[in-house]
């Protein structure tokens, strides 16, 4: 959903701050917003809630919202953020050391990844799947919320603008290199 921030700014309630999931008071949220991992990176844009209400997120700096975090509206109401299910690869290794090696290869390509004790989750990409299987991994299709590890430059999970831009360019270059192509895949973060 793309709305004109200049004209819609007046029409919709504004979310002006964030409460981390572990900081949220026992207040029942008035609504929820189900967002994919890249939609949870935001600063100033309109989102739609589960009730189809429009809310203008107008934060002082970019943030990466986690599952369970809350946006706080000017009037004090809260919107709970729910991580959307996404098409992912569930990557399993032969041993803990092998899992670490697979994580290194994924990180070397600047791919967003959720790293757990027994597996790694990444967004589906058939070329990366073939590479991982070639390295001995077992790769399965799953659909579940994607909660990638936040980078070293994240505060509450928010990318600084310069870091996110560098990440987008690095990913595009890495993607082109991995695919042996001269074009880059779209990889967007919402900053302003």
N, C-alpha and C. Protein backbone atom coordinates (compact mmCIF):
# COMPACT_ATOMS: atom_id res chain seq x y z
N UNK A 1 0.85 -1.17 0.00
CA UNK A 1 0.00 0.00 0.00
C UNK A 1 0.89 1.23 0.00
N UNK A 2 0.74 2.09 -0.99
CA UNK A 2 1.53 3.31 -1.08
C UNK A 2 0.59 4.49 -0.95
N UNK A 3 0.80 5.28 0.08
CA UNK A 3 -0.04 6.44 0.30
C UNK A 3 0.82 7.69 0.21
N UNK A 4 0.18 8.80 -0.11
CA UNK A 4 0.89 10.08 -0.19
C UNK A 4 1.02 10.64 1.22
N UNK A 5 2.23 10.62 1.74
CA UNK A 5 2.48 11.05 3.12
C UNK A 5 2.05 12.50 3.32
N UNK A 6 2.25 13.36 2.33
CA UNK A 6 1.94 14.77 2.50
C UNK A 6 0.45 15.01 2.71
N UNK A 7 -0.40 14.31 1.97
CA UNK A 7 -1.84 14.53 2.13
C UNK A 7 -2.45 13.60 3.17
N UNK A 8 -1.93 12.39 3.30
CA UNK A 8 -2.51 11.44 4.24
C UNK A 8 -2.05 11.68 5.67
N UNK A 9 -1.05 12.51 5.83
CA UNK A 9 -0.53 12.85 7.15
C UNK A 9 -1.65 13.35 8.06
N UNK A 10 -2.56 14.12 7.51
CA UNK A 10 -3.63 14.73 8.29
C UNK A 10 -4.77 13.74 8.54
N UNK A 11 -5.00 12.81 7.63
CA UNK A 11 -6.17 11.93 7.68
C UNK A 11 -6.08 10.82 8.71
N UNK A 12 -4.91 10.30 8.98
CA UNK A 12 -4.78 9.08 9.76
C UNK A 12 -4.15 9.34 11.13
N UNK A 13 -4.47 8.47 12.10
CA UNK A 13 -3.77 8.57 13.39
C UNK A 13 -2.27 8.33 13.18
N UNK A 14 -1.46 8.97 14.04
CA UNK A 14 -0.01 8.84 13.90
C UNK A 14 0.57 7.99 15.01
N UNK A 15 1.46 7.06 14.62
CA UNK A 15 2.26 6.30 15.58
C UNK A 15 3.56 7.07 15.75
N UNK A 16 3.87 7.45 16.99
CA UNK A 16 5.00 8.34 17.22
C UNK A 16 6.11 7.73 18.07
N UNK A 17 5.88 6.54 18.61
CA UNK A 17 6.95 5.88 19.37
C UNK A 17 6.76 4.37 19.34
N UNK A 18 7.77 3.67 19.85
CA UNK A 18 7.79 2.20 19.84
C UNK A 18 8.05 1.70 21.25
N UNK A 19 7.33 0.65 21.62
CA UNK A 19 7.61 -0.08 22.86
C UNK A 19 8.09 -1.46 22.46
N UNK A 20 9.24 -1.86 22.98
CA UNK A 20 9.73 -3.22 22.72
C UNK A 20 8.78 -4.21 23.38
N UNK A 21 8.70 -5.40 22.83
CA UNK A 21 7.79 -6.42 23.35
C UNK A 21 7.97 -6.63 24.86
N UNK A 22 9.22 -6.61 25.33
CA UNK A 22 9.46 -6.84 26.75
C UNK A 22 9.20 -5.60 27.61
N UNK A 23 8.94 -4.44 26.98
CA UNK A 23 8.65 -3.21 27.71
C UNK A 23 7.16 -2.89 27.72
N UNK A 24 6.39 -3.59 26.89
CA UNK A 24 4.97 -3.28 26.75
C UNK A 24 4.23 -3.56 28.06
N UNK A 25 3.51 -2.57 28.54
CA UNK A 25 2.71 -2.73 29.75
C UNK A 25 1.55 -3.68 29.44
N UNK A 26 0.92 -4.22 30.47
CA UNK A 26 -0.20 -5.14 30.23
C UNK A 26 -1.44 -4.40 29.71
N UNK A 27 -1.25 -3.69 28.62
CA UNK A 27 -2.35 -2.97 27.99
C UNK A 27 -2.75 -3.75 26.75
N UNK A 28 -4.03 -3.99 26.60
CA UNK A 28 -4.49 -4.70 25.41
C UNK A 28 -4.37 -3.78 24.22
N UNK A 29 -3.66 -4.20 23.16
CA UNK A 29 -3.55 -3.33 21.99
C UNK A 29 -4.91 -3.14 21.33
N UNK A 30 -5.13 -1.97 20.78
CA UNK A 30 -6.42 -1.72 20.13
C UNK A 30 -6.49 -2.44 18.79
N UNK A 31 -5.32 -2.76 18.21
CA UNK A 31 -5.29 -3.44 16.92
C UNK A 31 -3.92 -4.07 16.73
N UNK A 32 -3.78 -4.80 15.62
CA UNK A 32 -2.51 -5.44 15.27
C UNK A 32 -2.19 -5.11 13.82
N UNK A 33 -0.90 -5.18 13.51
CA UNK A 33 -0.45 -5.03 12.12
C UNK A 33 0.47 -6.21 11.82
N UNK A 34 0.10 -6.99 10.80
CA UNK A 34 0.89 -8.14 10.40
C UNK A 34 1.82 -7.69 9.27
N UNK A 35 3.14 -7.73 9.53
CA UNK A 35 4.12 -7.20 8.58
C UNK A 35 5.23 -8.21 8.32
N UNK A 36 5.66 -8.29 7.07
CA UNK A 36 6.81 -9.11 6.69
C UNK A 36 8.08 -8.46 7.26
N UNK A 37 9.19 -9.21 7.25
CA UNK A 37 10.42 -8.70 7.88
C UNK A 37 10.88 -7.38 7.28
N UNK A 38 10.80 -7.22 5.95
CA UNK A 38 11.27 -5.96 5.35
C UNK A 38 10.27 -4.82 5.57
N UNK A 39 9.02 -5.12 5.83
CA UNK A 39 8.02 -4.09 6.14
C UNK A 39 8.16 -3.60 7.58
N UNK A 40 8.87 -4.38 8.40
CA UNK A 40 9.07 -3.97 9.80
C UNK A 40 10.24 -3.01 9.96
N UNK A 41 10.95 -2.72 8.86
CA UNK A 41 12.00 -1.68 8.85
C UNK A 41 11.31 -0.41 8.39
N UNK A 42 11.11 0.53 9.28
CA UNK A 42 10.40 1.74 8.86
C UNK A 42 10.75 2.94 9.72
N UNK A 43 10.37 4.07 9.22
CA UNK A 43 10.48 5.33 9.95
C UNK A 43 9.23 6.16 9.72
N UNK A 44 8.94 6.44 8.45
CA UNK A 44 7.79 7.30 8.16
C UNK A 44 7.06 6.76 6.94
N UNK A 45 5.95 6.06 7.20
CA UNK A 45 5.09 5.60 6.12
C UNK A 45 3.78 5.11 6.70
N UNK A 46 2.80 4.94 5.83
CA UNK A 46 1.49 4.46 6.26
C UNK A 46 1.49 2.93 6.26
N UNK A 47 0.83 2.36 7.25
CA UNK A 47 0.62 0.91 7.31
C UNK A 47 -0.86 0.65 7.49
N UNK A 48 -1.26 -0.59 7.23
CA UNK A 48 -2.65 -0.98 7.42
C UNK A 48 -2.71 -2.00 8.55
N UNK A 49 -3.69 -1.83 9.42
CA UNK A 49 -3.85 -2.75 10.55
C UNK A 49 -4.75 -3.92 10.15
N UNK A 50 -4.88 -4.88 11.05
CA UNK A 50 -5.72 -6.06 10.80
C UNK A 50 -7.18 -5.66 10.58
N UNK A 51 -7.62 -4.57 11.18
CA UNK A 51 -8.99 -4.07 11.00
C UNK A 51 -9.14 -3.20 9.75
N UNK A 52 -8.08 -3.11 8.97
CA UNK A 52 -8.02 -2.28 7.77
C UNK A 52 -8.01 -0.79 8.07
N UNK A 53 -7.63 -0.41 9.29
CA UNK A 53 -7.41 1.00 9.59
C UNK A 53 -6.06 1.41 9.02
N UNK A 54 -5.93 2.65 8.62
CA UNK A 54 -4.66 3.19 8.16
C UNK A 54 -4.04 3.98 9.30
N UNK A 55 -2.74 3.79 9.48
CA UNK A 55 -1.99 4.50 10.51
C UNK A 55 -0.72 5.04 9.88
N UNK A 56 -0.41 6.29 10.17
CA UNK A 56 0.84 6.87 9.69
C UNK A 56 1.90 6.67 10.75
N UNK A 57 2.93 5.89 10.42
CA UNK A 57 4.07 5.72 11.32
C UNK A 57 4.97 6.93 11.07
N UNK A 58 5.25 7.68 12.12
CA UNK A 58 6.04 8.90 12.02
C UNK A 58 7.03 8.93 13.18
N UNK A 59 8.10 8.15 13.04
CA UNK A 59 9.08 7.99 14.11
C UNK A 59 10.28 8.91 13.90
N UNK A 60 10.97 9.29 14.97
CA UNK A 60 12.10 10.20 14.83
C UNK A 60 13.30 9.60 14.10
N UNK A 61 13.43 8.27 14.12
CA UNK A 61 14.54 7.62 13.42
C UNK A 61 14.08 6.25 12.95
N UNK A 62 14.78 5.67 11.96
CA UNK A 62 14.39 4.35 11.46
C UNK A 62 14.53 3.28 12.54
N UNK A 63 13.60 2.34 12.53
CA UNK A 63 13.64 1.20 13.44
C UNK A 63 13.33 -0.08 12.68
N UNK A 64 13.74 -1.19 13.25
CA UNK A 64 13.35 -2.51 12.76
C UNK A 64 12.52 -3.13 13.87
N UNK A 65 11.23 -3.24 13.63
CA UNK A 65 10.32 -3.76 14.65
C UNK A 65 10.38 -5.28 14.71
N UNK A 66 10.31 -5.80 15.91
CA UNK A 66 10.29 -7.24 16.13
C UNK A 66 8.87 -7.70 16.43
N UNK A 67 8.66 -8.99 16.29
CA UNK A 67 7.37 -9.59 16.63
C UNK A 67 7.04 -9.26 18.08
N UNK A 68 5.85 -8.73 18.32
CA UNK A 68 5.43 -8.39 19.67
C UNK A 68 5.70 -6.95 20.08
N UNK A 69 6.54 -6.22 19.33
CA UNK A 69 6.75 -4.80 19.62
C UNK A 69 5.43 -4.06 19.39
N UNK A 70 5.36 -2.86 19.92
CA UNK A 70 4.14 -2.07 19.74
C UNK A 70 4.45 -0.67 19.26
N UNK A 71 3.60 -0.21 18.35
CA UNK A 71 3.62 1.19 17.94
C UNK A 71 2.65 1.92 18.86
N UNK A 72 3.06 3.09 19.38
CA UNK A 72 2.22 3.87 20.27
C UNK A 72 1.72 5.08 19.50
N UNK A 73 0.39 5.23 19.46
CA UNK A 73 -0.23 6.36 18.77
C UNK A 73 -0.20 7.60 19.65
N UNK A 74 -0.42 8.75 19.04
CA UNK A 74 -0.42 10.01 19.79
C UNK A 74 -1.42 10.00 20.93
N UNK A 75 -2.54 9.30 20.75
CA UNK A 75 -3.57 9.26 21.80
C UNK A 75 -3.31 8.17 22.84
N UNK A 76 -2.16 7.45 22.74
CA UNK A 76 -1.81 6.43 23.72
C UNK A 76 -2.20 5.02 23.34
N UNK A 77 -3.07 4.86 22.35
CA UNK A 77 -3.43 3.50 21.93
C UNK A 77 -2.21 2.81 21.35
N UNK A 78 -2.23 1.47 21.40
CA UNK A 78 -1.08 0.70 20.94
C UNK A 78 -1.49 -0.28 19.84
N UNK A 79 -0.59 -0.45 18.89
CA UNK A 79 -0.78 -1.43 17.82
C UNK A 79 0.33 -2.46 17.97
N UNK A 80 -0.05 -3.72 18.13
CA UNK A 80 0.93 -4.80 18.27
C UNK A 80 1.42 -5.24 16.90
N UNK A 81 2.72 -5.41 16.76
CA UNK A 81 3.32 -5.86 15.51
C UNK A 81 3.42 -7.38 15.52
N UNK A 82 2.91 -8.00 14.48
CA UNK A 82 2.97 -9.46 14.33
C UNK A 82 3.84 -9.76 13.11
N UNK A 83 4.82 -10.62 13.27
CA UNK A 83 5.68 -11.02 12.15
C UNK A 83 4.87 -11.94 11.23
N UNK A 84 4.76 -11.56 9.97
CA UNK A 84 4.00 -12.33 8.97
C UNK A 84 4.73 -13.61 8.61
N UNK A 85 3.96 -14.63 8.24
CA UNK A 85 4.57 -15.83 7.69
C UNK A 85 5.13 -15.51 6.31
N UNK A 86 6.32 -16.04 6.03
CA UNK A 86 6.98 -15.80 4.76
C UNK A 86 7.54 -17.11 4.20
N UNK A 87 7.71 -17.19 2.88
CA UNK A 87 8.30 -18.40 2.29
C UNK A 87 9.81 -18.44 2.55
N UNK A 88 10.24 -19.45 3.32
CA UNK A 88 11.63 -19.52 3.76
C UNK A 88 12.24 -20.88 3.45
N UNK A 89 13.56 -20.94 3.59
CA UNK A 89 14.27 -22.21 3.59
C UNK A 89 14.67 -22.52 5.03
N UNK A 90 14.42 -23.75 5.45
CA UNK A 90 14.87 -24.29 6.73
C UNK A 90 16.14 -25.08 6.40
N UNK A 91 17.28 -24.61 6.90
CA UNK A 91 18.58 -25.18 6.56
C UNK A 91 19.12 -25.96 7.75
N UNK A 92 19.39 -27.24 7.52
CA UNK A 92 19.91 -28.12 8.58
C UNK A 92 21.31 -28.58 8.19
N UNK A 93 22.14 -28.80 9.20
CA UNK A 93 23.54 -29.16 8.96
C UNK A 93 23.83 -30.55 9.52
N UNK A 94 25.01 -31.05 9.19
CA UNK A 94 25.46 -32.36 9.65
C UNK A 94 25.97 -32.32 11.09
N UNK A 95 26.40 -31.14 11.54
CA UNK A 95 26.96 -30.99 12.89
C UNK A 95 26.92 -29.51 13.27
N UNK A 96 27.17 -29.19 14.54
CA UNK A 96 27.23 -27.78 14.92
C UNK A 96 28.30 -26.99 14.16
N UNK A 97 29.46 -27.61 13.92
CA UNK A 97 30.52 -26.93 13.17
C UNK A 97 30.05 -26.69 11.73
N UNK A 98 29.40 -27.67 11.15
CA UNK A 98 28.87 -27.53 9.79
C UNK A 98 27.85 -26.40 9.72
N UNK A 99 26.98 -26.29 10.75
CA UNK A 99 25.99 -25.21 10.79
C UNK A 99 26.69 -23.85 10.82
N UNK A 100 27.78 -23.78 11.58
CA UNK A 100 28.57 -22.54 11.65
C UNK A 100 29.16 -22.21 10.28
N UNK A 101 29.66 -23.21 9.59
CA UNK A 101 30.22 -22.98 8.24
C UNK A 101 29.13 -22.50 7.28
N UNK A 102 27.96 -23.11 7.36
CA UNK A 102 26.85 -22.68 6.50
C UNK A 102 26.46 -21.23 6.82
N UNK A 103 26.42 -20.89 8.11
CA UNK A 103 26.11 -19.51 8.51
C UNK A 103 27.14 -18.54 7.94
N UNK A 104 28.42 -18.96 7.92
CA UNK A 104 29.47 -18.10 7.35
C UNK A 104 29.20 -17.85 5.87
N UNK A 105 28.87 -18.91 5.11
CA UNK A 105 28.60 -18.75 3.68
C UNK A 105 27.40 -17.84 3.44
N UNK A 106 26.37 -17.98 4.25
CA UNK A 106 25.18 -17.13 4.12
C UNK A 106 25.54 -15.68 4.45
N UNK A 107 26.26 -15.48 5.54
CA UNK A 107 26.67 -14.13 5.93
C UNK A 107 27.60 -13.49 4.92
N UNK A 108 28.45 -14.30 4.30
CA UNK A 108 29.38 -13.79 3.28
C UNK A 108 28.62 -13.23 2.08
N UNK A 109 27.39 -13.68 1.89
CA UNK A 109 26.55 -13.18 0.79
C UNK A 109 25.57 -12.11 1.26
N UNK A 110 25.74 -11.65 2.50
CA UNK A 110 24.93 -10.57 3.07
C UNK A 110 23.44 -10.86 3.02
N UNK A 111 23.08 -12.12 3.27
CA UNK A 111 21.67 -12.50 3.29
C UNK A 111 21.13 -12.40 4.71
N UNK A 112 19.92 -11.90 4.83
CA UNK A 112 19.26 -11.89 6.13
C UNK A 112 19.03 -13.32 6.55
N UNK A 113 19.30 -13.63 7.82
CA UNK A 113 19.16 -15.00 8.31
C UNK A 113 18.73 -15.01 9.77
N UNK A 114 17.87 -15.97 10.09
CA UNK A 114 17.51 -16.25 11.48
C UNK A 114 18.32 -17.48 11.87
N UNK A 115 19.15 -17.34 12.88
CA UNK A 115 20.05 -18.43 13.27
C UNK A 115 19.59 -19.01 14.59
N UNK A 116 19.32 -20.30 14.58
CA UNK A 116 18.89 -21.01 15.77
C UNK A 116 19.88 -22.12 16.06
N UNK A 117 19.72 -22.81 17.18
CA UNK A 117 20.68 -23.84 17.59
C UNK A 117 20.75 -24.99 16.60
N UNK A 118 19.63 -25.35 15.99
CA UNK A 118 19.57 -26.52 15.11
C UNK A 118 19.41 -26.18 13.63
N UNK A 119 19.14 -24.91 13.31
CA UNK A 119 18.85 -24.57 11.92
C UNK A 119 19.09 -23.09 11.65
N UNK A 120 19.08 -22.76 10.36
CA UNK A 120 19.14 -21.38 9.88
C UNK A 120 17.94 -21.20 8.96
N UNK A 121 17.29 -20.05 9.03
CA UNK A 121 16.20 -19.71 8.12
C UNK A 121 16.61 -18.54 7.25
N UNK A 122 16.36 -18.64 5.94
CA UNK A 122 16.59 -17.54 5.02
C UNK A 122 15.42 -17.46 4.05
N UNK A 123 15.29 -16.34 3.37
CA UNK A 123 14.29 -16.21 2.31
C UNK A 123 14.67 -17.14 1.16
N UNK A 124 13.68 -17.64 0.47
CA UNK A 124 13.93 -18.59 -0.61
C UNK A 124 14.64 -17.93 -1.79
N UNK A 125 15.63 -18.64 -2.29
CA UNK A 125 16.39 -18.24 -3.48
C UNK A 125 17.01 -19.53 -4.02
N UNK A 126 16.56 -19.97 -5.18
CA UNK A 126 16.96 -21.28 -5.70
C UNK A 126 18.47 -21.42 -5.91
N UNK A 127 19.14 -20.32 -6.23
CA UNK A 127 20.60 -20.39 -6.42
C UNK A 127 21.30 -20.63 -5.08
N UNK A 128 20.85 -19.93 -4.05
CA UNK A 128 21.43 -20.12 -2.71
C UNK A 128 21.12 -21.54 -2.20
N UNK A 129 19.91 -22.02 -2.49
CA UNK A 129 19.54 -23.39 -2.09
C UNK A 129 20.52 -24.40 -2.71
N UNK A 130 20.78 -24.26 -4.00
CA UNK A 130 21.70 -25.17 -4.69
C UNK A 130 23.10 -25.10 -4.07
N UNK A 131 23.55 -23.89 -3.75
CA UNK A 131 24.86 -23.73 -3.14
C UNK A 131 24.91 -24.44 -1.79
N UNK A 132 23.89 -24.24 -0.95
CA UNK A 132 23.86 -24.84 0.38
C UNK A 132 23.80 -26.36 0.31
N UNK A 133 22.98 -26.88 -0.62
CA UNK A 133 22.91 -28.33 -0.80
C UNK A 133 24.25 -28.88 -1.28
N UNK A 134 24.94 -28.12 -2.12
CA UNK A 134 26.27 -28.50 -2.58
C UNK A 134 27.28 -28.54 -1.44
N UNK A 135 27.01 -27.77 -0.38
CA UNK A 135 27.87 -27.75 0.80
C UNK A 135 27.44 -28.80 1.83
N UNK A 136 26.46 -29.65 1.48
CA UNK A 136 26.04 -30.73 2.36
C UNK A 136 24.86 -30.43 3.26
N UNK A 137 24.21 -29.27 3.09
CA UNK A 137 23.06 -28.92 3.92
C UNK A 137 21.80 -29.63 3.43
N UNK A 138 20.86 -29.82 4.34
CA UNK A 138 19.52 -30.26 3.99
C UNK A 138 18.65 -29.01 4.00
N UNK A 139 18.00 -28.71 2.88
CA UNK A 139 17.23 -27.47 2.74
C UNK A 139 15.78 -27.82 2.44
N UNK A 140 14.87 -27.32 3.29
CA UNK A 140 13.44 -27.60 3.13
C UNK A 140 12.66 -26.29 3.02
N UNK A 141 11.58 -26.32 2.25
CA UNK A 141 10.68 -25.17 2.16
C UNK A 141 9.79 -25.13 3.40
N UNK A 142 9.69 -23.97 4.03
CA UNK A 142 8.77 -23.76 5.14
C UNK A 142 8.10 -22.40 4.96
N UNK A 143 7.02 -22.19 5.67
CA UNK A 143 6.35 -20.90 5.70
C UNK A 143 6.09 -20.56 7.16
N UNK A 144 6.80 -19.55 7.65
CA UNK A 144 6.67 -19.14 9.05
C UNK A 144 7.18 -17.72 9.22
N UNK A 145 6.94 -17.11 10.39
CA UNK A 145 7.45 -15.75 10.60
C UNK A 145 8.97 -15.73 10.48
N UNK A 146 9.49 -14.68 9.83
CA UNK A 146 10.93 -14.53 9.63
C UNK A 146 11.44 -13.45 10.56
N UNK A 147 12.34 -13.85 11.44
CA UNK A 147 12.90 -12.92 12.42
C UNK A 147 14.42 -12.94 12.30
N UNK A 148 14.95 -12.30 11.26
CA UNK A 148 16.40 -12.36 11.04
C UNK A 148 17.19 -11.67 12.14
N UNK A 149 18.43 -12.12 12.30
CA UNK A 149 19.35 -11.52 13.26
C UNK A 149 19.55 -10.06 12.86
N UNK A 150 19.52 -9.18 13.83
CA UNK A 150 19.75 -7.76 13.56
C UNK A 150 21.24 -7.49 13.51
N UNK A 151 21.62 -6.53 12.68
CA UNK A 151 23.03 -6.23 12.49
C UNK A 151 23.67 -5.54 13.67
N UNK A 152 24.99 -5.45 13.64
CA UNK A 152 25.76 -4.84 14.72
C UNK A 152 25.45 -3.36 14.87
N UNK A 153 24.91 -2.72 13.82
CA UNK A 153 24.63 -1.29 13.87
C UNK A 153 23.20 -1.02 14.30
N UNK A 154 22.49 -2.05 14.73
CA UNK A 154 21.10 -1.88 15.15
C UNK A 154 21.05 -1.42 16.60
N UNK A 155 20.11 -0.53 16.88
CA UNK A 155 19.85 -0.13 18.26
C UNK A 155 18.78 -1.07 18.78
N UNK A 156 17.55 -0.56 18.89
CA UNK A 156 16.41 -1.39 19.28
C UNK A 156 16.08 -2.33 18.13
N UNK A 157 16.93 -2.41 17.17
CA UNK A 157 16.63 -3.20 15.99
C UNK A 157 16.58 -2.31 14.78
N UNK A 158 16.80 -1.00 14.96
CA UNK A 158 16.70 -0.08 13.85
C UNK A 158 17.99 0.03 13.08
N UNK A 159 17.91 -0.02 11.76
CA UNK A 159 19.07 0.23 10.93
C UNK A 159 19.29 1.73 10.87
N UNK A 160 20.53 2.17 10.99
CA UNK A 160 20.83 3.54 10.64
C UNK A 160 20.74 3.65 9.13
N UNK A 161 20.40 4.81 8.61
CA UNK A 161 20.19 4.97 7.18
C UNK A 161 21.43 4.59 6.37
N UNK A 162 22.59 5.08 6.78
CA UNK A 162 23.81 4.80 6.02
C UNK A 162 24.11 3.30 6.01
N UNK A 163 23.93 2.64 7.16
CA UNK A 163 24.21 1.20 7.22
C UNK A 163 23.25 0.43 6.32
N UNK A 164 21.98 0.79 6.35
CA UNK A 164 20.99 0.07 5.54
C UNK A 164 21.28 0.26 4.05
N UNK A 165 21.69 1.47 3.67
CA UNK A 165 22.02 1.70 2.27
C UNK A 165 23.23 0.86 1.87
N UNK A 166 24.25 0.81 2.73
CA UNK A 166 25.42 -0.02 2.43
C UNK A 166 25.02 -1.48 2.33
N UNK A 167 24.12 -1.92 3.22
CA UNK A 167 23.65 -3.30 3.19
C UNK A 167 22.94 -3.60 1.89
N UNK A 168 22.08 -2.68 1.45
CA UNK A 168 21.33 -2.90 0.21
C UNK A 168 22.29 -3.01 -0.97
N UNK A 169 23.30 -2.14 -1.02
CA UNK A 169 24.26 -2.20 -2.13
C UNK A 169 25.10 -3.46 -2.06
N UNK A 170 25.55 -3.84 -0.85
CA UNK A 170 26.34 -5.05 -0.71
C UNK A 170 25.55 -6.26 -1.14
N UNK A 171 24.26 -6.31 -0.74
CA UNK A 171 23.41 -7.45 -1.11
C UNK A 171 23.24 -7.52 -2.62
N UNK A 172 23.02 -6.38 -3.25
CA UNK A 172 22.83 -6.37 -4.70
C UNK A 172 24.09 -6.88 -5.40
N UNK A 173 25.26 -6.42 -4.93
CA UNK A 173 26.51 -6.88 -5.53
C UNK A 173 26.71 -8.37 -5.29
N UNK A 174 26.45 -8.82 -4.06
CA UNK A 174 26.63 -10.24 -3.74
C UNK A 174 25.66 -11.09 -4.54
N UNK A 175 24.42 -10.62 -4.68
CA UNK A 175 23.42 -11.38 -5.42
C UNK A 175 23.84 -11.52 -6.87
N UNK A 176 24.33 -10.43 -7.46
CA UNK A 176 24.78 -10.49 -8.84
C UNK A 176 25.95 -11.44 -8.99
N UNK A 177 26.87 -11.40 -8.01
CA UNK A 177 28.04 -12.28 -8.06
C UNK A 177 27.64 -13.74 -7.94
N UNK A 178 26.75 -14.05 -7.00
CA UNK A 178 26.31 -15.43 -6.79
C UNK A 178 25.60 -15.95 -8.03
N UNK A 179 24.78 -15.12 -8.65
CA UNK A 179 24.01 -15.56 -9.80
C UNK A 179 24.79 -15.47 -11.10
N UNK A 180 25.97 -14.84 -11.05
CA UNK A 180 26.77 -14.68 -12.25
C UNK A 180 26.09 -13.78 -13.27
N UNK A 181 25.35 -12.82 -12.77
CA UNK A 181 24.59 -11.93 -13.65
C UNK A 181 25.08 -10.50 -13.43
N UNK A 182 24.73 -9.65 -14.37
CA UNK A 182 25.16 -8.27 -14.24
C UNK A 182 24.08 -7.39 -13.62
N UNK A 183 22.86 -7.92 -13.45
CA UNK A 183 21.83 -7.10 -12.82
C UNK A 183 21.76 -7.42 -11.34
N UNK A 184 21.11 -6.55 -10.58
CA UNK A 184 20.96 -6.80 -9.14
C UNK A 184 19.49 -6.96 -8.81
N UNK A 185 19.24 -7.81 -7.82
CA UNK A 185 17.87 -8.06 -7.38
C UNK A 185 17.41 -6.91 -6.51
N UNK A 186 16.13 -6.59 -6.61
CA UNK A 186 15.57 -5.55 -5.76
C UNK A 186 15.65 -5.98 -4.30
N UNK A 187 16.13 -5.08 -3.46
CA UNK A 187 16.25 -5.35 -2.04
C UNK A 187 15.98 -4.03 -1.35
N UNK A 188 14.78 -3.85 -0.85
CA UNK A 188 14.45 -2.52 -0.36
C UNK A 188 14.22 -2.49 1.14
N UNK A 189 14.57 -1.36 1.72
CA UNK A 189 14.24 -1.03 3.09
C UNK A 189 13.49 0.29 3.03
N UNK A 190 12.52 0.46 3.85
CA UNK A 190 11.78 1.72 3.90
C UNK A 190 12.44 2.64 4.91
N UNK A 191 12.96 3.78 4.46
CA UNK A 191 13.67 4.67 5.37
C UNK A 191 12.90 5.95 5.61
N UNK A 192 12.49 6.59 4.60
CA UNK A 192 11.79 7.88 4.75
C UNK A 192 10.61 7.97 3.86
